mmCIF file of all heavy atoms, coordinates in Angstrom:
data_MODEL
# 
_entry.id   MODEL 
# 
loop_
_atom_site.group_PDB 
_atom_site.id 
_atom_site.type_symbol 
_atom_site.label_atom_id 
_atom_site.label_alt_id 
_atom_site.label_comp_id 
_atom_site.label_asym_id 
_atom_site.label_entity_id 
_atom_site.label_seq_id 
_atom_site.pdbx_PDB_ins_code 
_atom_site.Cartn_x 
_atom_site.Cartn_y 
_atom_site.Cartn_z 
_atom_site.occupancy 
_atom_site.B_iso_or_equiv 
_atom_site.pdbx_formal_charge 
_atom_site.auth_seq_id 
_atom_site.auth_comp_id 
_atom_site.auth_asym_id 
_atom_site.auth_atom_id 
_atom_site.pdbx_PDB_model_num 
ATOM 1   N N   . ALA A 1 1  ? 0.848   -1.190 0.000  1.00 0.00 ? 1  ALA A N   1 
ATOM 2   C CA  . ALA A 1 1  ? 0.000   0.000  0.000  1.00 0.00 ? 1  ALA A CA  1 
ATOM 3   C C   . ALA A 1 1  ? 0.888   1.246  0.000  1.00 0.00 ? 1  ALA A C   1 
ATOM 4   O O   . ALA A 1 1  ? 1.989   1.245  0.547  1.00 0.00 ? 1  ALA A O   1 
ATOM 5   C CB  . ALA A 1 1  ? -0.914  -0.001 1.212  1.00 0.00 ? 1  ALA A CB  1 
ATOM 6   N N   . LYS A 1 2  ? 0.378   2.307  -0.612 1.00 0.00 ? 2  LYS A N   1 
ATOM 7   C CA  . LYS A 1 2  ? 1.119   3.571  -0.672 1.00 0.00 ? 2  LYS A CA  1 
ATOM 8   C C   . LYS A 1 2  ? 0.235   4.678  -0.106 1.00 0.00 ? 2  LYS A C   1 
ATOM 9   O O   . LYS A 1 2  ? -0.846  4.939  -0.625 1.00 0.00 ? 2  LYS A O   1 
ATOM 10  C CB  . LYS A 1 2  ? 1.522   3.883  -2.108 1.00 0.00 ? 2  LYS A CB  1 
ATOM 11  C CG  . LYS A 1 2  ? 2.500   2.873  -2.696 1.00 0.00 ? 2  LYS A CG  1 
ATOM 12  C CD  . LYS A 1 2  ? 2.879   3.229  -4.124 1.00 0.00 ? 2  LYS A CD  1 
ATOM 13  C CE  . LYS A 1 2  ? 3.864   2.202  -4.689 1.00 0.00 ? 2  LYS A CE  1 
ATOM 14  N NZ  . LYS A 1 2  ? 4.229   2.520  -6.109 1.00 0.00 ? 2  LYS A NZ  1 
ATOM 15  N N   . ILE A 1 3  ? 0.717   5.301  0.953  1.00 0.00 ? 3  ILE A N   1 
ATOM 16  C CA  . ILE A 1 3  ? -0.024  6.351  1.641  1.00 0.00 ? 3  ILE A CA  1 
ATOM 17  C C   . ILE A 1 3  ? 0.710   7.671  1.418  1.00 0.00 ? 3  ILE A C   1 
ATOM 18  O O   . ILE A 1 3  ? 1.926   7.762  1.637  1.00 0.00 ? 3  ILE A O   1 
ATOM 19  C CB  . ILE A 1 3  ? -0.137  6.070  3.154  1.00 0.00 ? 3  ILE A CB  1 
ATOM 20  C CG1 . ILE A 1 3  ? -0.610  4.627  3.405  1.00 0.00 ? 3  ILE A CG1 1 
ATOM 21  C CG2 . ILE A 1 3  ? -1.059  7.088  3.805  1.00 0.00 ? 3  ILE A CG2 1 
ATOM 22  C CD1 . ILE A 1 3  ? -1.976  4.307  2.864  1.00 0.00 ? 3  ILE A CD1 1 
ATOM 23  N N   . GLY A 1 4  ? -0.023  8.691  1.001  1.00 0.00 ? 4  GLY A N   1 
ATOM 24  C CA  . GLY A 1 4  ? 0.586   9.972  0.689  1.00 0.00 ? 4  GLY A CA  1 
ATOM 25  C C   . GLY A 1 4  ? 0.962   10.768 1.931  1.00 0.00 ? 4  GLY A C   1 
ATOM 26  O O   . GLY A 1 4  ? 1.090   10.232 3.032  1.00 0.00 ? 4  GLY A O   1 
ATOM 27  N N   . GLU A 1 5  ? 1.110   12.065 1.751  1.00 0.00 ? 5  GLU A N   1 
ATOM 28  C CA  . GLU A 1 5  ? 1.564   12.951 2.813  1.00 0.00 ? 5  GLU A CA  1 
ATOM 29  C C   . GLU A 1 5  ? 0.379   13.627 3.507  1.00 0.00 ? 5  GLU A C   1 
ATOM 30  O O   . GLU A 1 5  ? -0.623  13.939 2.878  1.00 0.00 ? 5  GLU A O   1 
ATOM 31  C CB  . GLU A 1 5  ? 2.517   13.991 2.227  1.00 0.00 ? 5  GLU A CB  1 
ATOM 32  C CG  . GLU A 1 5  ? 3.766   13.333 1.644  1.00 0.00 ? 5  GLU A CG  1 
ATOM 33  C CD  . GLU A 1 5  ? 4.646   14.279 0.869  1.00 0.00 ? 5  GLU A CD  1 
ATOM 34  O OE1 . GLU A 1 5  ? 4.185   15.393 0.527  1.00 0.00 ? 5  GLU A OE1 1 
ATOM 35  O OE2 . GLU A 1 5  ? 5.807   13.920 0.599  1.00 0.00 ? 5  GLU A OE2 1 
ATOM 36  N N   . HIS A 1 6  ? 0.526   13.807 4.828  1.00 0.00 ? 6  HIS A N   1 
ATOM 37  C CA  . HIS A 1 6  ? -0.497  14.480 5.639  1.00 0.00 ? 6  HIS A CA  1 
ATOM 38  C C   . HIS A 1 6  ? -1.854  13.787 5.544  1.00 0.00 ? 6  HIS A C   1 
ATOM 39  O O   . HIS A 1 6  ? -2.905  14.416 5.437  1.00 0.00 ? 6  HIS A O   1 
ATOM 40  C CB  . HIS A 1 6  ? -0.596  15.951 5.245  1.00 0.00 ? 6  HIS A CB  1 
ATOM 41  C CG  . HIS A 1 6  ? 0.722   16.671 5.357  1.00 0.00 ? 6  HIS A CG  1 
ATOM 42  N ND1 . HIS A 1 6  ? 1.229   17.096 6.556  1.00 0.00 ? 6  HIS A ND1 1 
ATOM 43  C CD2 . HIS A 1 6  ? 1.644   16.983 4.416  1.00 0.00 ? 6  HIS A CD2 1 
ATOM 44  C CE1 . HIS A 1 6  ? 2.412   17.668 6.356  1.00 0.00 ? 6  HIS A CE1 1 
ATOM 45  N NE2 . HIS A 1 6  ? 2.688   17.598 5.070  1.00 0.00 ? 6  HIS A NE2 1 
ATOM 46  N N   . VAL A 1 7  ? -1.814  12.476 5.587  1.00 0.00 ? 7  VAL A N   1 
ATOM 47  C CA  . VAL A 1 7  ? -3.015  11.635 5.534  1.00 0.00 ? 7  VAL A CA  1 
ATOM 48  C C   . VAL A 1 7  ? -3.417  11.256 6.959  1.00 0.00 ? 7  VAL A C   1 
ATOM 49  O O   . VAL A 1 7  ? -2.563  11.086 7.843  1.00 0.00 ? 7  VAL A O   1 
ATOM 50  C CB  . VAL A 1 7  ? -2.754  10.373 4.692  1.00 0.00 ? 7  VAL A CB  1 
ATOM 51  C CG1 . VAL A 1 7  ? -3.925  9.400  4.758  1.00 0.00 ? 7  VAL A CG1 1 
ATOM 52  C CG2 . VAL A 1 7  ? -2.445  10.758 3.246  1.00 0.00 ? 7  VAL A CG2 1 
ATOM 53  N N   . ILE A 1 8  ? -4.714  11.092 7.185  1.00 0.00 ? 8  ILE A N   1 
ATOM 54  C CA  . ILE A 1 8  ? -5.222  10.552 8.439  1.00 0.00 ? 8  ILE A CA  1 
ATOM 55  C C   . ILE A 1 8  ? -5.768  9.152  8.169  1.00 0.00 ? 8  ILE A C   1 
ATOM 56  O O   . ILE A 1 8  ? -6.716  8.996  7.393  1.00 0.00 ? 8  ILE A O   1 
ATOM 57  C CB  . ILE A 1 8  ? -6.340  11.429 9.034  1.00 0.00 ? 8  ILE A CB  1 
ATOM 58  C CG1 . ILE A 1 8  ? -5.827  12.841 9.327  1.00 0.00 ? 8  ILE A CG1 1 
ATOM 59  C CG2 . ILE A 1 8  ? -6.909  10.792 10.306 1.00 0.00 ? 8  ILE A CG2 1 
ATOM 60  C CD1 . ILE A 1 8  ? -6.935  13.817 9.656  1.00 0.00 ? 8  ILE A CD1 1 
ATOM 61  N N   . ILE A 1 9  ? -5.153  8.157  8.776  1.00 0.00 ? 9  ILE A N   1 
ATOM 62  C CA  . ILE A 1 9  ? -5.666  6.789  8.736  1.00 0.00 ? 9  ILE A CA  1 
ATOM 63  C C   . ILE A 1 9  ? -6.259  6.550  10.126 1.00 0.00 ? 9  ILE A C   1 
ATOM 64  O O   . ILE A 1 9  ? -5.538  6.295  11.095 1.00 0.00 ? 9  ILE A O   1 
ATOM 65  C CB  . ILE A 1 9  ? -4.562  5.770  8.409  1.00 0.00 ? 9  ILE A CB  1 
ATOM 66  C CG1 . ILE A 1 9  ? -3.844  6.128  7.111  1.00 0.00 ? 9  ILE A CG1 1 
ATOM 67  C CG2 . ILE A 1 9  ? -5.147  4.363  8.353  1.00 0.00 ? 9  ILE A CG2 1 
ATOM 68  C CD1 . ILE A 1 9  ? -4.727  6.096  5.880  1.00 0.00 ? 9  ILE A CD1 1 
ATOM 69  N N   . ASN A 1 10 ? -7.566  6.643  10.230 1.00 0.00 ? 10 ASN A N   1 
ATOM 70  C CA  . ASN A 1 10 ? -8.196  6.736  11.533 1.00 0.00 ? 10 ASN A CA  1 
ATOM 71  C C   . ASN A 1 10 ? -8.415  5.360  12.173 1.00 0.00 ? 10 ASN A C   1 
ATOM 72  O O   . ASN A 1 10 ? -8.131  4.317  11.586 1.00 0.00 ? 10 ASN A O   1 
ATOM 73  C CB  . ASN A 1 10 ? -9.507  7.517  11.422 1.00 0.00 ? 10 ASN A CB  1 
ATOM 74  C CG  . ASN A 1 10 ? -9.714  8.464  12.590 1.00 0.00 ? 10 ASN A CG  1 
ATOM 75  O OD1 . ASN A 1 10 ? -9.468  8.107  13.734 1.00 0.00 ? 10 ASN A OD1 1 
ATOM 76  N ND2 . ASN A 1 10 ? -10.175 9.671  12.297 1.00 0.00 ? 10 ASN A ND2 1 
ATOM 77  N N   . THR A 1 11 ? -8.958  5.385  13.375 1.00 0.00 ? 11 THR A N   1 
ATOM 78  C CA  . THR A 1 11 ? -9.061  4.222  14.247 1.00 0.00 ? 11 THR A CA  1 
ATOM 79  C C   . THR A 1 11 ? -9.725  3.019  13.566 1.00 0.00 ? 11 THR A C   1 
ATOM 80  O O   . THR A 1 11 ? -10.814 3.129  13.015 1.00 0.00 ? 11 THR A O   1 
ATOM 81  C CB  . THR A 1 11 ? -9.875  4.594  15.496 1.00 0.00 ? 11 THR A CB  1 
ATOM 82  O OG1 . THR A 1 11 ? -9.342  5.788  16.063 1.00 0.00 ? 11 THR A OG1 1 
ATOM 83  C CG2 . THR A 1 11 ? -9.843  3.486  16.525 1.00 0.00 ? 11 THR A CG2 1 
ATOM 84  N N   . SER A 1 12 ? -9.026  1.890  13.588 1.00 0.00 ? 12 SER A N   1 
ATOM 85  C CA  . SER A 1 12 ? -9.555  0.597  13.104 1.00 0.00 ? 12 SER A CA  1 
ATOM 86  C C   . SER A 1 12 ? -9.908  0.595  11.624 1.00 0.00 ? 12 SER A C   1 
ATOM 87  O O   . SER A 1 12 ? -10.671 -0.261 11.161 1.00 0.00 ? 12 SER A O   1 
ATOM 88  C CB  . SER A 1 12 ? -10.777 0.166  13.925 1.00 0.00 ? 12 SER A CB  1 
ATOM 89  O OG  . SER A 1 12 ? -10.422 -0.011 15.283 1.00 0.00 ? 12 SER A OG  1 
ATOM 90  N N   . SER A 1 13 ? -9.371  1.530  10.858 1.00 0.00 ? 13 SER A N   1 
ATOM 91  C CA  . SER A 1 13 ? -9.578  1.489  9.406  1.00 0.00 ? 13 SER A CA  1 
ATOM 92  C C   . SER A 1 13 ? -8.596  0.494  8.783  1.00 0.00 ? 13 SER A C   1 
ATOM 93  O O   . SER A 1 13 ? -7.573  0.148  9.379  1.00 0.00 ? 13 SER A O   1 
ATOM 94  C CB  . SER A 1 13 ? -9.415  2.875  8.792  1.00 0.00 ? 13 SER A CB  1 
ATOM 95  O OG  . SER A 1 13 ? -8.135  3.405  9.091  1.00 0.00 ? 13 SER A OG  1 
ATOM 96  N N   . ILE A 1 14 ? -8.933  0.034  7.569  1.00 0.00 ? 14 ILE A N   1 
ATOM 97  C CA  . ILE A 1 14 ? -8.125  -0.986 6.902  1.00 0.00 ? 14 ILE A CA  1 
ATOM 98  C C   . ILE A 1 14 ? -7.786  -0.508 5.493  1.00 0.00 ? 14 ILE A C   1 
ATOM 99  O O   . ILE A 1 14 ? -8.678  -0.151 4.715  1.00 0.00 ? 14 ILE A O   1 
ATOM 100 C CB  . ILE A 1 14 ? -8.861  -2.335 6.836  1.00 0.00 ? 14 ILE A CB  1 
ATOM 101 C CG1 . ILE A 1 14 ? -9.136  -2.855 8.251  1.00 0.00 ? 14 ILE A CG1 1 
ATOM 102 C CG2 . ILE A 1 14 ? -8.048  -3.359 6.035  1.00 0.00 ? 14 ILE A CG2 1 
ATOM 103 C CD1 . ILE A 1 14 ? -9.998  -4.109 8.277  1.00 0.00 ? 14 ILE A CD1 1 
ATOM 104 N N   . ILE A 1 15 ? -6.505  -0.530 5.178  1.00 0.00 ? 15 ILE A N   1 
ATOM 105 C CA  . ILE A 1 15 ? -6.015  -0.223 3.829  1.00 0.00 ? 15 ILE A CA  1 
ATOM 106 C C   . ILE A 1 15 ? -5.402  -1.507 3.295  1.00 0.00 ? 15 ILE A C   1 
ATOM 107 O O   . ILE A 1 15 ? -4.348  -1.956 3.760  1.00 0.00 ? 15 ILE A O   1 
ATOM 108 C CB  . ILE A 1 15 ? -4.957  0.902  3.845  1.00 0.00 ? 15 ILE A CB  1 
ATOM 109 C CG1 . ILE A 1 15 ? -5.405  2.068  4.738  1.00 0.00 ? 15 ILE A CG1 1 
ATOM 110 C CG2 . ILE A 1 15 ? -4.643  1.340  2.424  1.00 0.00 ? 15 ILE A CG2 1 
ATOM 111 C CD1 . ILE A 1 15 ? -6.649  2.766  4.292  1.00 0.00 ? 15 ILE A CD1 1 
ATOM 112 N N   . GLU A 1 16 ? -6.059  -2.117 2.324  1.00 0.00 ? 16 GLU A N   1 
ATOM 113 C CA  . GLU A 1 16 ? -5.612  -3.428 1.857  1.00 0.00 ? 16 GLU A CA  1 
ATOM 114 C C   . GLU A 1 16 ? -4.459  -3.310 0.848  1.00 0.00 ? 16 GLU A C   1 
ATOM 115 O O   . GLU A 1 16 ? -4.037  -2.217 0.469  1.00 0.00 ? 16 GLU A O   1 
ATOM 116 C CB  . GLU A 1 16 ? -6.790  -4.194 1.260  1.00 0.00 ? 16 GLU A CB  1 
ATOM 117 C CG  . GLU A 1 16 ? -7.615  -4.949 2.298  1.00 0.00 ? 16 GLU A CG  1 
ATOM 118 C CD  . GLU A 1 16 ? -6.848  -6.087 2.956  1.00 0.00 ? 16 GLU A CD  1 
ATOM 119 O OE1 . GLU A 1 16 ? -5.742  -6.451 2.472  1.00 0.00 ? 16 GLU A OE1 1 
ATOM 120 O OE2 . GLU A 1 16 ? -7.337  -6.618 3.962  1.00 0.00 ? 16 GLU A OE2 1 
ATOM 121 N N   . HIS A 1 17 ? -3.978  -4.477 0.422  1.00 0.00 ? 17 HIS A N   1 
ATOM 122 C CA  . HIS A 1 17 ? -2.796  -4.562 -0.431 1.00 0.00 ? 17 HIS A CA  1 
ATOM 123 C C   . HIS A 1 17 ? -2.925  -3.721 -1.701 1.00 0.00 ? 17 HIS A C   1 
ATOM 124 O O   . HIS A 1 17 ? -3.988  -3.634 -2.319 1.00 0.00 ? 17 HIS A O   1 
ATOM 125 C CB  . HIS A 1 17 ? -2.528  -6.026 -0.815 1.00 0.00 ? 17 HIS A CB  1 
ATOM 126 C CG  . HIS A 1 17 ? -3.622  -6.609 -1.675 1.00 0.00 ? 17 HIS A CG  1 
ATOM 127 N ND1 . HIS A 1 17 ? -3.640  -6.512 -3.048 1.00 0.00 ? 17 HIS A ND1 1 
ATOM 128 C CD2 . HIS A 1 17 ? -4.755  -7.283 -1.342 1.00 0.00 ? 17 HIS A CD2 1 
ATOM 129 C CE1 . HIS A 1 17 ? -4.713  -7.099 -3.532 1.00 0.00 ? 17 HIS A CE1 1 
ATOM 130 N NE2 . HIS A 1 17 ? -5.415  -7.577 -2.514 1.00 0.00 ? 17 HIS A NE2 1 
ATOM 131 N N   . ASP A 1 18 ? -1.838  -3.076 -2.062 1.00 0.00 ? 18 ASP A N   1 
ATOM 132 C CA  . ASP A 1 18 ? -1.708  -2.331 -3.322 1.00 0.00 ? 18 ASP A CA  1 
ATOM 133 C C   . ASP A 1 18 ? -2.636  -1.126 -3.435 1.00 0.00 ? 18 ASP A C   1 
ATOM 134 O O   . ASP A 1 18 ? -2.771  -0.545 -4.512 1.00 0.00 ? 18 ASP A O   1 
ATOM 135 C CB  . ASP A 1 18 ? -1.914  -3.253 -4.536 1.00 0.00 ? 18 ASP A CB  1 
ATOM 136 C CG  . ASP A 1 18 ? -0.909  -4.390 -4.559 1.00 0.00 ? 18 ASP A CG  1 
ATOM 137 O OD1 . ASP A 1 18 ? 0.292   -4.096 -4.698 1.00 0.00 ? 18 ASP A OD1 1 
ATOM 138 O OD2 . ASP A 1 18 ? -1.324  -5.558 -4.419 1.00 0.00 ? 18 ASP A OD2 1 
ATOM 139 N N   . ALA A 1 19 ? -3.277  -0.745 -2.353 1.00 0.00 ? 19 ALA A N   1 
ATOM 140 C CA  . ALA A 1 19 ? -4.098  0.468  -2.383 1.00 0.00 ? 19 ALA A CA  1 
ATOM 141 C C   . ALA A 1 19 ? -3.182  1.692  -2.443 1.00 0.00 ? 19 ALA A C   1 
ATOM 142 O O   . ALA A 1 19 ? -2.058  1.680  -1.940 1.00 0.00 ? 19 ALA A O   1 
ATOM 143 C CB  . ALA A 1 19 ? -4.993  0.542  -1.155 1.00 0.00 ? 19 ALA A CB  1 
ATOM 144 N N   . VAL A 1 20 ? -3.695  2.756  -3.066 1.00 0.00 ? 20 VAL A N   1 
ATOM 145 C CA  . VAL A 1 20 ? -2.956  4.010  -3.171 1.00 0.00 ? 20 VAL A CA  1 
ATOM 146 C C   . VAL A 1 20 ? -3.829  5.118  -2.587 1.00 0.00 ? 20 VAL A C   1 
ATOM 147 O O   . VAL A 1 20 ? -4.957  5.329  -3.041 1.00 0.00 ? 20 VAL A O   1 
ATOM 148 C CB  . VAL A 1 20 ? -2.588  4.340  -4.631 1.00 0.00 ? 20 VAL A CB  1 
ATOM 149 C CG1 . VAL A 1 20 ? -1.880  5.692  -4.711 1.00 0.00 ? 20 VAL A CG1 1 
ATOM 150 C CG2 . VAL A 1 20 ? -1.711  3.243  -5.218 1.00 0.00 ? 20 VAL A CG2 1 
ATOM 151 N N   . VAL A 1 21 ? -3.316  5.797  -1.588 1.00 0.00 ? 21 VAL A N   1 
ATOM 152 C CA  . VAL A 1 21 ? -4.058  6.851  -0.902 1.00 0.00 ? 21 VAL A CA  1 
ATOM 153 C C   . VAL A 1 21 ? -3.287  8.150  -1.083 1.00 0.00 ? 21 VAL A C   1 
ATOM 154 O O   . VAL A 1 21 ? -2.131  8.268  -0.670 1.00 0.00 ? 21 VAL A O   1 
ATOM 155 C CB  . VAL A 1 21 ? -4.218  6.529  0.600  1.00 0.00 ? 21 VAL A CB  1 
ATOM 156 C CG1 . VAL A 1 21 ? -4.950  7.661  1.313  1.00 0.00 ? 21 VAL A CG1 1 
ATOM 157 C CG2 . VAL A 1 21 ? -4.967  5.206  0.773  1.00 0.00 ? 21 VAL A CG2 1 
ATOM 158 N N   . GLY A 1 22 ? -3.919  9.144  -1.720 1.00 0.00 ? 22 GLY A N   1 
ATOM 159 C CA  . GLY A 1 22 ? -3.243  10.396 -2.012 1.00 0.00 ? 22 GLY A CA  1 
ATOM 160 C C   . GLY A 1 22 ? -3.070  11.273 -0.788 1.00 0.00 ? 22 GLY A C   1 
ATOM 161 O O   . GLY A 1 22 ? -3.600  11.008 0.299  1.00 0.00 ? 22 GLY A O   1 
ATOM 162 N N   . SER A 1 23 ? -2.331  12.347 -0.956 1.00 0.00 ? 23 SER A N   1 
ATOM 163 C CA  . SER A 1 23 ? -2.070  13.277 0.135  1.00 0.00 ? 23 SER A CA  1 
ATOM 164 C C   . SER A 1 23 ? -3.356  13.976 0.586  1.00 0.00 ? 23 SER A C   1 
ATOM 165 O O   . SER A 1 23 ? -4.287  14.164 -0.200 1.00 0.00 ? 23 SER A O   1 
ATOM 166 C CB  . SER A 1 23 ? -1.049  14.317 -0.301 1.00 0.00 ? 23 SER A CB  1 
ATOM 167 O OG  . SER A 1 23 ? 0.196   13.700 -0.588 1.00 0.00 ? 23 SER A OG  1 
ATOM 168 N N   . TYR A 1 24 ? -3.388  14.333 1.871  1.00 0.00 ? 24 TYR A N   1 
ATOM 169 C CA  . TYR A 1 24 ? -4.485  15.073 2.505  1.00 0.00 ? 24 TYR A CA  1 
ATOM 170 C C   . TYR A 1 24 ? -5.805  14.298 2.551  1.00 0.00 ? 24 TYR A C   1 
ATOM 171 O O   . TYR A 1 24 ? -6.867  14.877 2.757  1.00 0.00 ? 24 TYR A O   1 
ATOM 172 C CB  . TYR A 1 24 ? -4.702  16.436 1.826  1.00 0.00 ? 24 TYR A CB  1 
ATOM 173 C CG  . TYR A 1 24 ? -3.446  17.229 1.693  1.00 0.00 ? 24 TYR A CG  1 
ATOM 174 C CD1 . TYR A 1 24 ? -2.846  17.427 0.459  1.00 0.00 ? 24 TYR A CD1 1 
ATOM 175 C CD2 . TYR A 1 24 ? -2.813  17.757 2.819  1.00 0.00 ? 24 TYR A CD2 1 
ATOM 176 C CE1 . TYR A 1 24 ? -1.667  18.143 0.340  1.00 0.00 ? 24 TYR A CE1 1 
ATOM 177 C CE2 . TYR A 1 24 ? -1.628  18.473 2.707  1.00 0.00 ? 24 TYR A CE2 1 
ATOM 178 C CZ  . TYR A 1 24 ? -1.062  18.666 1.463  1.00 0.00 ? 24 TYR A CZ  1 
ATOM 179 O OH  . TYR A 1 24 ? 0.115   19.370 1.341  1.00 0.00 ? 24 TYR A OH  1 
ATOM 180 N N   . VAL A 1 25 ? -5.747  12.991 2.387  1.00 0.00 ? 25 VAL A N   1 
ATOM 181 C CA  . VAL A 1 25 ? -6.938  12.148 2.504  1.00 0.00 ? 25 VAL A CA  1 
ATOM 182 C C   . VAL A 1 25 ? -7.210  11.882 3.981  1.00 0.00 ? 25 VAL A C   1 
ATOM 183 O O   . VAL A 1 25 ? -6.302  11.845 4.812  1.00 0.00 ? 25 VAL A O   1 
ATOM 184 C CB  . VAL A 1 25 ? -6.729  10.825 1.732  1.00 0.00 ? 25 VAL A CB  1 
ATOM 185 C CG1 . VAL A 1 25 ? -7.776  9.776  2.101  1.00 0.00 ? 25 VAL A CG1 1 
ATOM 186 C CG2 . VAL A 1 25 ? -6.740  11.089 0.227  1.00 0.00 ? 25 VAL A CG2 1 
ATOM 187 N N   . HIS A 1 26 ? -8.491  11.669 4.310  1.00 0.00 ? 26 HIS A N   1 
ATOM 188 C CA  . HIS A 1 26 ? -8.887  11.206 5.642  1.00 0.00 ? 26 HIS A CA  1 
ATOM 189 C C   . HIS A 1 26 ? -9.700  9.926  5.461  1.00 0.00 ? 26 HIS A C   1 
ATOM 190 O O   . HIS A 1 26 ? -10.762 9.945  4.842  1.00 0.00 ? 26 HIS A O   1 
ATOM 191 C CB  . HIS A 1 26 ? -9.730  12.278 6.348  1.00 0.00 ? 26 HIS A CB  1 
ATOM 192 C CG  . HIS A 1 26 ? -10.085 11.922 7.763  1.00 0.00 ? 26 HIS A CG  1 
ATOM 193 N ND1 . HIS A 1 26 ? -10.616 12.839 8.634  1.00 0.00 ? 26 HIS A ND1 1 
ATOM 194 C CD2 . HIS A 1 26 ? -10.007 10.758 8.471  1.00 0.00 ? 26 HIS A CD2 1 
ATOM 195 C CE1 . HIS A 1 26 ? -10.835 12.274 9.809  1.00 0.00 ? 26 HIS A CE1 1 
ATOM 196 N NE2 . HIS A 1 26 ? -10.484 11.003 9.727  1.00 0.00 ? 26 HIS A NE2 1 
ATOM 197 N N   . VAL A 1 27 ? -9.178  8.825  5.987  1.00 0.00 ? 27 VAL A N   1 
ATOM 198 C CA  . VAL A 1 27 ? -9.900  7.555  6.017  1.00 0.00 ? 27 VAL A CA  1 
ATOM 199 C C   . VAL A 1 27 ? -10.450 7.406  7.433  1.00 0.00 ? 27 VAL A C   1 
ATOM 200 O O   . VAL A 1 27 ? -9.701  7.200  8.382  1.00 0.00 ? 27 VAL A O   1 
ATOM 201 C CB  . VAL A 1 27 ? -8.984  6.378  5.643  1.00 0.00 ? 27 VAL A CB  1 
ATOM 202 C CG1 . VAL A 1 27 ? -9.784  5.070  5.646  1.00 0.00 ? 27 VAL A CG1 1 
ATOM 203 C CG2 . VAL A 1 27 ? -8.341  6.599  4.274  1.00 0.00 ? 27 VAL A CG2 1 
# 
């Protein structure tokens, strides 16, 4: 998985294999 800059990956969230999350995202 690739997580960008200034991202919030919040409590008990799941980012599975090969996912791409851009900068300034909130999950």
